[in-house]
All heavy atoms as atom14 arrays in JSON, in Angstrom:
{
  "sequence": "VEGTSLAKFQDNPQWKTVVCKLFVQSKGSVHVLLGEYEISR",
  "atom14_mask": [
    [1, 1, 1, 1, 1, 1, 1, 0, 0, 0, 0, 0, 0, 0],
    [1, 1, 1, 1, 1, 1, 1, 1, 1, 0, 0, 0, 0, 0],
    [1, 1, 1, 1, 0, 0, 0, 0, 0, 0, 0, 0, 0, 0],
    [1, 1, 1, 1, 1, 1, 1, 0, 0, 0, 0, 0, 0, 0],
    [1, 1, 1, 1, 1, 1, 0, 0, 0, 0, 0, 0, 0, 0],
    [1, 1, 1, 1, 1, 1, 1, 1, 0, 0, 0, 0, 0, 0],
    [1, 1, 1, 1, 1, 0, 0, 0, 0, 0, 0, 0, 0, 0],
    [1, 1, 1, 1, 1, 1, 1, 1, 1, 0, 0, 0, 0, 0],
    [1, 1, 1, 1, 1, 1, 1, 1, 1, 1, 1, 0, 0, 0],
    [1, 1, 1, 1, 1, 1, 1, 1, 1, 0, 0, 0, 0, 0],
    [1, 1, 1, 1, 1, 1, 1, 1, 0, 0, 0, 0, 0, 0],
    [1, 1, 1, 1, 1, 1, 1, 1, 0, 0, 0, 0, 0, 0],
    [1, 1, 1, 1, 1, 1, 1, 0, 0, 0, 0, 0, 0, 0],
    [1, 1, 1, 1, 1, 1, 1, 1, 1, 0, 0, 0, 0, 0],
    [1, 1, 1, 1, 1, 1, 1, 1, 1, 1, 1, 1, 1, 1],
    [1, 1, 1, 1, 1, 1, 1, 1, 1, 0, 0, 0, 0, 0],
    [1, 1, 1, 1, 1, 1, 1, 0, 0, 0, 0, 0, 0, 0],
    [1, 1, 1, 1, 1, 1, 1, 0, 0, 0, 0, 0, 0, 0],
    [1, 1, 1, 1, 1, 1, 1, 0, 0, 0, 0, 0, 0, 0],
    [1, 1, 1, 1, 1, 1, 0, 0, 0, 0, 0, 0, 0, 0],
    [1, 1, 1, 1, 1, 1, 1, 1, 1, 0, 0, 0, 0, 0],
    [1, 1, 1, 1, 1, 1, 1, 1, 0, 0, 0, 0, 0, 0],
    [1, 1, 1, 1, 1, 1, 1, 1, 1, 1, 1, 0, 0, 0],
    [1, 1, 1, 1, 1, 1, 1, 0, 0, 0, 0, 0, 0, 0],
    [1, 1, 1, 1, 1, 1, 1, 1, 1, 0, 0, 0, 0, 0],
    [1, 1, 1, 1, 1, 1, 0, 0, 0, 0, 0, 0, 0, 0],
    [1, 1, 1, 1, 1, 1, 1, 1, 1, 0, 0, 0, 0, 0],
    [1, 1, 1, 1, 0, 0, 0, 0, 0, 0, 0, 0, 0, 0],
    [1, 1, 1, 1, 1, 1, 0, 0, 0, 0, 0, 0, 0, 0],
    [1, 1, 1, 1, 1, 1, 1, 0, 0, 0, 0, 0, 0, 0],
    [1, 1, 1, 1, 1, 1, 1, 1, 1, 1, 0, 0, 0, 0],
    [1, 1, 1, 1, 1, 1, 1, 0, 0, 0, 0, 0, 0, 0],
    [1, 1, 1, 1, 1, 1, 1, 1, 0, 0, 0, 0, 0, 0],
    [1, 1, 1, 1, 1, 1, 1, 1, 0, 0, 0, 0, 0, 0],
    [1, 1, 1, 1, 0, 0, 0, 0, 0, 0, 0, 0, 0, 0],
    [1, 1, 1, 1, 1, 1, 1, 1, 1, 0, 0, 0, 0, 0],
    [1, 1, 1, 1, 1, 1, 1, 1, 1, 1, 1, 1, 0, 0],
    [1, 1, 1, 1, 1, 1, 1, 1, 1, 0, 0, 0, 0, 0],
    [1, 1, 1, 1, 1, 1, 1, 1, 0, 0, 0, 0, 0, 0],
    [1, 1, 1, 1, 1, 1, 0, 0, 0, 0, 0, 0, 0, 0],
    [1, 1, 1, 1, 1, 1, 1, 1, 1, 1, 1, 0, 0, 0]
  ],
  "atom14_positions": [
    [[100.67, 99.93, 92.9], [99.33, 99.36, 93.0], [99.19, 98.27, 91.96], [99.6, 98.43, 90.82], [98.26, 100.47, 92.78], [96.86, 99.89, 92.82], [98.42, 101.56, 93.83], [0.0, 0.0, 0.0], [0.0, 0.0, 0.0], [0.0, 0.0, 0.0], [0.0, 0.0, 0.0], [0.0, 0.0, 0.0], [0.0, 0.0, 0.0], [0.0, 0.0, 0.0]],
    [[98.58, 97.14, 92.38], [98.4, 96.0, 91.47], [97.0, 95.98, 90.89], [96.04, 96.38, 91.54], [98.63, 94.68, 92.22], [100.06, 94.26, 92.28], [100.24, 92.86, 92.84], [99.33, 92.01, 92.69], [101.3, 92.62, 93.42], [0.0, 0.0, 0.0], [0.0, 0.0, 0.0], [0.0, 0.0, 0.0], [0.0, 0.0, 0.0], [0.0, 0.0, 0.0]],
    [[96.94, 95.45, 89.66], [95.68, 95.21, 88.99], [95.87, 94.05, 88.03], [96.95, 93.48, 87.94], [0.0, 0.0, 0.0], [0.0, 0.0, 0.0], [0.0, 0.0, 0.0], [0.0, 0.0, 0.0], [0.0, 0.0, 0.0], [0.0, 0.0, 0.0], [0.0, 0.0, 0.0], [0.0, 0.0, 0.0], [0.0, 0.0, 0.0], [0.0, 0.0, 0.0]],
    [[94.83, 93.71, 87.3], [94.96, 92.62, 86.33], [95.1, 93.11, 84.91], [95.64, 92.41, 84.06], [93.74, 91.67, 86.42], [92.55, 92.43, 86.23], [93.71, 90.97, 87.77], [0.0, 0.0, 0.0], [0.0, 0.0, 0.0], [0.0, 0.0, 0.0], [0.0, 0.0, 0.0], [0.0, 0.0, 0.0], [0.0, 0.0, 0.0], [0.0, 0.0, 0.0]],
    [[94.6, 94.33, 84.64], [94.73, 94.91, 83.3], [94.65, 96.42, 83.44], [94.23, 96.94, 84.47], [93.63, 94.4, 82.38], [92.38, 94.94, 82.78], [0.0, 0.0, 0.0], [0.0, 0.0, 0.0], [0.0, 0.0, 0.0], [0.0, 0.0, 0.0], [0.0, 0.0, 0.0], [0.0, 0.0, 0.0], [0.0, 0.0, 0.0], [0.0, 0.0, 0.0]],
    [[95.01, 97.1, 82.37], [94.96, 98.56, 82.4], [93.53, 99.05, 82.6], [93.28, 99.97, 83.39], [95.54, 99.11, 81.09], [95.78, 100.6, 81.03], [96.64, 101.07, 82.19], [96.42, 100.98, 79.72], [0.0, 0.0, 0.0], [0.0, 0.0, 0.0], [0.0, 0.0, 0.0], [0.0, 0.0, 0.0], [0.0, 0.0, 0.0], [0.0, 0.0, 0.0]],
    [[92.56, 98.42, 81.92], [91.15, 98.83, 82.05], [90.66, 98.65, 83.49], [89.97, 99.51, 84.03], [90.29, 98.02, 81.1], [0.0, 0.0, 0.0], [0.0, 0.0, 0.0], [0.0, 0.0, 0.0], [0.0, 0.0, 0.0], [0.0, 0.0, 0.0], [0.0, 0.0, 0.0], [0.0, 0.0, 0.0], [0.0, 0.0, 0.0], [0.0, 0.0, 0.0]],
    [[91.02, 97.55, 84.12], [90.56, 97.3, 85.48], [91.35, 98.11, 86.51], [90.87, 98.38, 87.6], [90.65, 95.81, 85.8], [89.63, 95.02, 85.02], [89.54, 93.61, 85.48], [88.46, 92.92, 84.65], [88.25, 91.57, 85.01], [0.0, 0.0, 0.0], [0.0, 0.0, 0.0], [0.0, 0.0, 0.0], [0.0, 0.0, 0.0], [0.0, 0.0, 0.0]],
    [[92.56, 98.49, 86.15], [93.39, 99.27, 87.06], [92.74, 100.62, 87.35], [92.71, 101.08, 88.49], [94.78, 99.49, 86.46], [95.73, 100.14, 87.42], [96.49, 99.39, 88.28], [95.85, 101.52, 87.47], [97.36, 99.98, 89.17], [96.72, 102.13, 88.35], [97.47, 101.36, 89.2], [0.0, 0.0, 0.0], [0.0, 0.0, 0.0], [0.0, 0.0, 0.0]],
    [[92.2, 101.25, 86.33], [91.63, 102.58, 86.51], [90.39, 102.56, 87.4], [90.02, 103.58, 87.96], [91.33, 103.2, 85.14], [92.63, 103.47, 84.4], [92.43, 103.9, 82.96], [91.42, 103.59, 82.36], [93.41, 104.6, 82.43], [0.0, 0.0, 0.0], [0.0, 0.0, 0.0], [0.0, 0.0, 0.0], [0.0, 0.0, 0.0], [0.0, 0.0, 0.0]],
    [[89.76, 101.4, 87.55], [88.6, 101.26, 88.44], [89.0, 100.7, 89.81], [88.14, 100.5, 90.66], [87.55, 100.33, 87.82], [86.97, 100.92, 86.55], [86.9, 102.16, 86.45], [86.61, 100.13, 85.65], [0.0, 0.0, 0.0], [0.0, 0.0, 0.0], [0.0, 0.0, 0.0], [0.0, 0.0, 0.0], [0.0, 0.0, 0.0], [0.0, 0.0, 0.0]],
    [[90.29, 100.46, 90.02], [90.76, 99.85, 91.27], [90.63, 100.86, 92.42], [91.17, 101.95, 92.35], [92.24, 99.44, 91.09], [92.77, 98.66, 92.26], [92.26, 98.75, 93.37], [93.81, 97.9, 92.01], [0.0, 0.0, 0.0], [0.0, 0.0, 0.0], [0.0, 0.0, 0.0], [0.0, 0.0, 0.0], [0.0, 0.0, 0.0], [0.0, 0.0, 0.0]],
    [[89.88, 100.51, 93.49], [89.72, 101.44, 94.6], [91.03, 101.72, 95.35], [91.12, 102.69, 96.09], [88.69, 100.76, 95.51], [88.71, 99.33, 95.12], [89.15, 99.26, 93.7], [0.0, 0.0, 0.0], [0.0, 0.0, 0.0], [0.0, 0.0, 0.0], [0.0, 0.0, 0.0], [0.0, 0.0, 0.0], [0.0, 0.0, 0.0], [0.0, 0.0, 0.0]],
    [[92.03, 100.88, 95.16], [93.33, 101.1, 95.82], [94.15, 102.18, 95.09], [95.14, 102.66, 95.63], [94.14, 99.81, 95.87], [93.57, 98.8, 96.81], [94.41, 97.55, 96.85], [95.1, 97.19, 95.9], [94.38, 96.86, 97.98], [0.0, 0.0, 0.0], [0.0, 0.0, 0.0], [0.0, 0.0, 0.0], [0.0, 0.0, 0.0], [0.0, 0.0, 0.0]],
    [[93.73, 102.55, 93.89], [94.46, 103.57, 93.13], [93.96, 104.94, 93.57], [93.07, 105.52, 92.98], [94.27, 103.35, 91.63], [95.21, 104.18, 90.81], [96.52, 104.44, 91.08], [94.91, 104.85, 89.6], [97.06, 105.23, 90.09], [96.08, 105.5, 89.17], [93.77, 104.96, 88.82], [96.15, 106.25, 88.01], [93.84, 105.71, 87.66], [95.02, 106.34, 87.26]],
    [[94.55, 105.44, 94.65], [94.15, 106.7, 95.24], [95.21, 107.76, 94.93], [96.28, 107.45, 94.4], [94.01, 106.55, 96.76], [92.98, 105.5, 97.17], [92.87, 105.38, 98.67], [94.0, 104.56, 99.21], [93.92, 104.28, 100.64], [0.0, 0.0, 0.0], [0.0, 0.0, 0.0], [0.0, 0.0, 0.0], [0.0, 0.0, 0.0], [0.0, 0.0, 0.0]],
    [[94.93, 108.98, 95.29], [95.87, 110.08, 95.05], [97.15, 109.85, 95.85], [97.11, 109.57, 97.05], [95.24, 111.42, 95.46], [94.04, 111.6, 94.7], [96.18, 112.58, 95.21], [0.0, 0.0, 0.0], [0.0, 0.0, 0.0], [0.0, 0.0, 0.0], [0.0, 0.0, 0.0], [0.0, 0.0, 0.0], [0.0, 0.0, 0.0], [0.0, 0.0, 0.0]],
    [[98.28, 109.99, 95.15], [99.6, 109.8, 95.77], [100.34, 111.13, 95.75], [100.27, 111.88, 94.78], [100.41, 108.72, 95.02], [101.86, 108.69, 95.46], [99.78, 107.36, 95.21], [0.0, 0.0, 0.0], [0.0, 0.0, 0.0], [0.0, 0.0, 0.0], [0.0, 0.0, 0.0], [0.0, 0.0, 0.0], [0.0, 0.0, 0.0], [0.0, 0.0, 0.0]],
    [[101.05, 111.41, 96.84], [101.91, 112.58, 96.91], [103.35, 112.11, 97.1], [103.61, 111.03, 97.63], [101.51, 113.55, 98.06], [100.18, 114.2, 97.78], [101.51, 112.85, 99.38], [0.0, 0.0, 0.0], [0.0, 0.0, 0.0], [0.0, 0.0, 0.0], [0.0, 0.0, 0.0], [0.0, 0.0, 0.0], [0.0, 0.0, 0.0], [0.0, 0.0, 0.0]],
    [[104.27, 112.94, 96.62], [105.69, 112.65, 96.72], [106.36, 113.77, 97.51], [106.24, 114.94, 97.15], [106.3, 112.56, 95.32], [108.1, 112.47, 95.34], [0.0, 0.0, 0.0], [0.0, 0.0, 0.0], [0.0, 0.0, 0.0], [0.0, 0.0, 0.0], [0.0, 0.0, 0.0], [0.0, 0.0, 0.0], [0.0, 0.0, 0.0], [0.0, 0.0, 0.0]],
    [[107.05, 113.4, 98.58], [107.88, 114.36, 99.3], [109.29, 114.2, 98.74], [109.86, 113.1, 98.76], [107.86, 114.09, 100.8], [106.58, 114.51, 101.46], [106.68, 114.41, 102.96], [105.41, 114.93, 103.59], [105.48, 114.94, 105.04], [0.0, 0.0, 0.0], [0.0, 0.0, 0.0], [0.0, 0.0, 0.0], [0.0, 0.0, 0.0], [0.0, 0.0, 0.0]],
    [[109.85, 115.3, 98.23], [111.16, 115.28, 97.6], [112.19, 115.92, 98.54], [112.02, 117.07, 98.96], [111.11, 116.03, 96.27], [112.38, 116.04, 95.45], [112.8, 114.62, 95.04], [112.21, 116.92, 94.22], [0.0, 0.0, 0.0], [0.0, 0.0, 0.0], [0.0, 0.0, 0.0], [0.0, 0.0, 0.0], [0.0, 0.0, 0.0], [0.0, 0.0, 0.0]],
    [[113.25, 115.15, 98.83], [114.31, 115.61, 99.72], [115.63, 115.66, 98.95], [115.83, 114.92, 97.99], [114.5, 114.63, 100.9], [113.31, 114.53, 101.8], [112.29, 113.62, 101.53], [113.19, 115.32, 102.93], [111.19, 113.5, 102.37], [112.1, 115.22, 103.77], [111.1, 114.3, 103.49], [0.0, 0.0, 0.0], [0.0, 0.0, 0.0], [0.0, 0.0, 0.0]],
    [[116.55, 116.52, 99.41], [117.9, 116.58, 98.87], [118.88, 116.51, 100.04], [118.56, 116.94, 101.16], [118.14, 117.87, 98.03], [118.11, 119.11, 98.89], [119.44, 117.78, 97.25], [0.0, 0.0, 0.0], [0.0, 0.0, 0.0], [0.0, 0.0, 0.0], [0.0, 0.0, 0.0], [0.0, 0.0, 0.0], [0.0, 0.0, 0.0], [0.0, 0.0, 0.0]],
    [[120.05, 115.97, 99.75], [121.11, 115.87, 100.75], [122.43, 116.06, 100.03], [122.58, 115.64, 98.87], [121.05, 114.5, 101.43], [122.01, 114.28, 102.56], [123.22, 113.48, 102.14], [123.21, 112.75, 101.17], [124.27, 113.62, 102.89], [0.0, 0.0, 0.0], [0.0, 0.0, 0.0], [0.0, 0.0, 0.0], [0.0, 0.0, 0.0], [0.0, 0.0, 0.0]],
    [[123.39, 116.74, 100.66], [124.68, 116.99, 100.02], [125.8, 117.0, 101.05], [125.67, 117.64, 102.09], [124.66, 118.33, 99.29], [125.91, 118.6, 98.71], [0.0, 0.0, 0.0], [0.0, 0.0, 0.0], [0.0, 0.0, 0.0], [0.0, 0.0, 0.0], [0.0, 0.0, 0.0], [0.0, 0.0, 0.0], [0.0, 0.0, 0.0], [0.0, 0.0, 0.0]],
    [[126.88, 116.31, 100.74], [128.11, 116.36, 101.53], [127.88, 116.23, 103.03], [128.35, 117.04, 103.82], [128.87, 117.65, 101.24], [129.29, 117.79, 99.8], [130.01, 119.1, 99.59], [130.32, 119.3, 98.13], [130.89, 120.61, 97.86], [0.0, 0.0, 0.0], [0.0, 0.0, 0.0], [0.0, 0.0, 0.0], [0.0, 0.0, 0.0], [0.0, 0.0, 0.0]],
    [[127.14, 115.24, 103.44], [126.95, 114.98, 104.85], [125.87, 115.81, 105.52], [125.7, 115.74, 106.73], [0.0, 0.0, 0.0], [0.0, 0.0, 0.0], [0.0, 0.0, 0.0], [0.0, 0.0, 0.0], [0.0, 0.0, 0.0], [0.0, 0.0, 0.0], [0.0, 0.0, 0.0], [0.0, 0.0, 0.0], [0.0, 0.0, 0.0], [0.0, 0.0, 0.0]],
    [[125.15, 116.61, 104.75], [124.08, 117.41, 105.35], [122.91, 116.49, 105.71], [122.84, 115.35, 105.27], [123.6, 118.49, 104.38], [122.83, 117.92, 103.34], [0.0, 0.0, 0.0], [0.0, 0.0, 0.0], [0.0, 0.0, 0.0], [0.0, 0.0, 0.0], [0.0, 0.0, 0.0], [0.0, 0.0, 0.0], [0.0, 0.0, 0.0], [0.0, 0.0, 0.0]],
    [[121.99, 117.03, 106.47], [120.75, 116.3, 106.74], [119.9, 116.35, 105.47], [120.15, 117.15, 104.57], [119.98, 116.91, 107.93], [120.79, 116.82, 109.2], [119.57, 118.34, 107.64], [0.0, 0.0, 0.0], [0.0, 0.0, 0.0], [0.0, 0.0, 0.0], [0.0, 0.0, 0.0], [0.0, 0.0, 0.0], [0.0, 0.0, 0.0], [0.0, 0.0, 0.0]],
    [[118.88, 115.5, 105.4], [117.96, 115.55, 104.26], [117.06, 116.77, 104.41], [116.47, 116.99, 105.47], [117.12, 114.27, 104.2], [117.88, 113.12, 103.63], [118.71, 112.33, 104.39], [117.97, 112.66, 102.38], [119.27, 111.42, 103.63], [118.83, 111.58, 102.4], [0.0, 0.0, 0.0], [0.0, 0.0, 0.0], [0.0, 0.0, 0.0], [0.0, 0.0, 0.0]],
    [[116.95, 117.55, 103.35], [116.2, 118.8, 103.35], [114.98, 118.63, 102.43], [115.13, 118.24, 101.28], [117.08, 119.96, 102.85], [116.28, 121.25, 102.78], [118.3, 120.13, 103.73], [0.0, 0.0, 0.0], [0.0, 0.0, 0.0], [0.0, 0.0, 0.0], [0.0, 0.0, 0.0], [0.0, 0.0, 0.0], [0.0, 0.0, 0.0], [0.0, 0.0, 0.0]],
    [[113.8, 118.93, 102.97], [112.58, 118.83, 102.18], [112.53, 119.96, 101.16], [112.61, 121.14, 101.51], [111.35, 118.9, 103.09], [109.99, 118.85, 102.4], [109.79, 117.5, 101.7], [108.87, 119.1, 103.4], [0.0, 0.0, 0.0], [0.0, 0.0, 0.0], [0.0, 0.0, 0.0], [0.0, 0.0, 0.0], [0.0, 0.0, 0.0], [0.0, 0.0, 0.0]],
    [[112.45, 119.6, 99.87], [112.37, 120.59, 98.8], [110.93, 120.92, 98.42], [110.65, 121.98, 97.91], [113.11, 120.08, 97.55], [114.61, 119.97, 97.69], [115.22, 119.32, 96.47], [115.23, 121.35, 97.92], [0.0, 0.0, 0.0], [0.0, 0.0, 0.0], [0.0, 0.0, 0.0], [0.0, 0.0, 0.0], [0.0, 0.0, 0.0], [0.0, 0.0, 0.0]],
    [[110.03, 119.96, 98.65], [108.64, 120.2, 98.31], [107.84, 118.93, 98.32], [108.38, 117.83, 98.42], [0.0, 0.0, 0.0], [0.0, 0.0, 0.0], [0.0, 0.0, 0.0], [0.0, 0.0, 0.0], [0.0, 0.0, 0.0], [0.0, 0.0, 0.0], [0.0, 0.0, 0.0], [0.0, 0.0, 0.0], [0.0, 0.0, 0.0], [0.0, 0.0, 0.0]],
    [[106.53, 119.1, 98.22], [105.6, 117.97, 98.14], [104.81, 118.13, 96.85], [104.27, 119.2, 96.58], [104.67, 117.98, 99.35], [103.78, 116.77, 99.42], [103.02, 116.68, 100.74], [103.65, 116.75, 101.8], [101.79, 116.55, 100.67], [0.0, 0.0, 0.0], [0.0, 0.0, 0.0], [0.0, 0.0, 0.0], [0.0, 0.0, 0.0], [0.0, 0.0, 0.0]],
    [[104.77, 117.05, 96.05], [104.16, 117.11, 94.73], [103.11, 116.01, 94.6], [103.35, 114.87, 94.98], [105.24, 116.91, 93.65], [106.34, 117.93, 93.74], [107.47, 117.68, 94.52], [106.24, 119.14, 93.08], [108.49, 118.62, 94.63], [107.25, 120.09, 93.18], [108.37, 119.83, 93.96], [109.37, 120.76, 94.06], [0.0, 0.0, 0.0], [0.0, 0.0, 0.0]],
    [[101.96, 116.37, 94.03], [100.91, 115.38, 93.78], [101.24, 114.66, 92.48], [101.57, 115.29, 91.47], [99.56, 116.06, 93.67], [98.42, 115.08, 93.55], [97.06, 115.75, 93.64], [96.81, 116.45, 94.64], [96.27, 115.57, 92.7], [0.0, 0.0, 0.0], [0.0, 0.0, 0.0], [0.0, 0.0, 0.0], [0.0, 0.0, 0.0], [0.0, 0.0, 0.0]],
    [[101.15, 113.34, 92.5], [101.43, 112.53, 91.31], [100.19, 112.54, 90.42], [99.08, 112.29, 90.89], [101.79, 111.07, 91.7], [102.99, 111.05, 92.66], [102.04, 110.23, 90.47], [104.26, 111.65, 92.1], [0.0, 0.0, 0.0], [0.0, 0.0, 0.0], [0.0, 0.0, 0.0], [0.0, 0.0, 0.0], [0.0, 0.0, 0.0], [0.0, 0.0, 0.0]],
    [[100.39, 112.84, 89.14], [99.25, 112.88, 88.21], [98.68, 111.47, 88.02], [99.34, 110.48, 88.34], [99.68, 113.46, 86.86], [100.26, 112.47, 86.06], [0.0, 0.0, 0.0], [0.0, 0.0, 0.0], [0.0, 0.0, 0.0], [0.0, 0.0, 0.0], [0.0, 0.0, 0.0], [0.0, 0.0, 0.0], [0.0, 0.0, 0.0], [0.0, 0.0, 0.0]],
    [[97.5, 111.38, 87.48], [96.88, 110.07, 87.25], [97.12, 109.59, 85.83], [96.48, 108.66, 85.37], [95.4, 110.15, 87.59], [95.3, 110.5, 89.08], [94.06, 110.3, 89.79], [93.27, 109.15, 89.64], [93.18, 108.17, 90.55], [93.92, 108.2, 91.63], [92.35, 107.18, 90.36], [0.0, 0.0, 0.0], [0.0, 0.0, 0.0], [0.0, 0.0, 0.0]]
  ]
}
């Protein structure tokens, strides 16, 4: 997300809650979902 300064970034309406889906893959396996994590602010 872009902003002009740190102070203005925190008020940016585009800075919404983000989640991360974490996958693992090994030795030719398919990607396996390990979990979904909310990114802190």
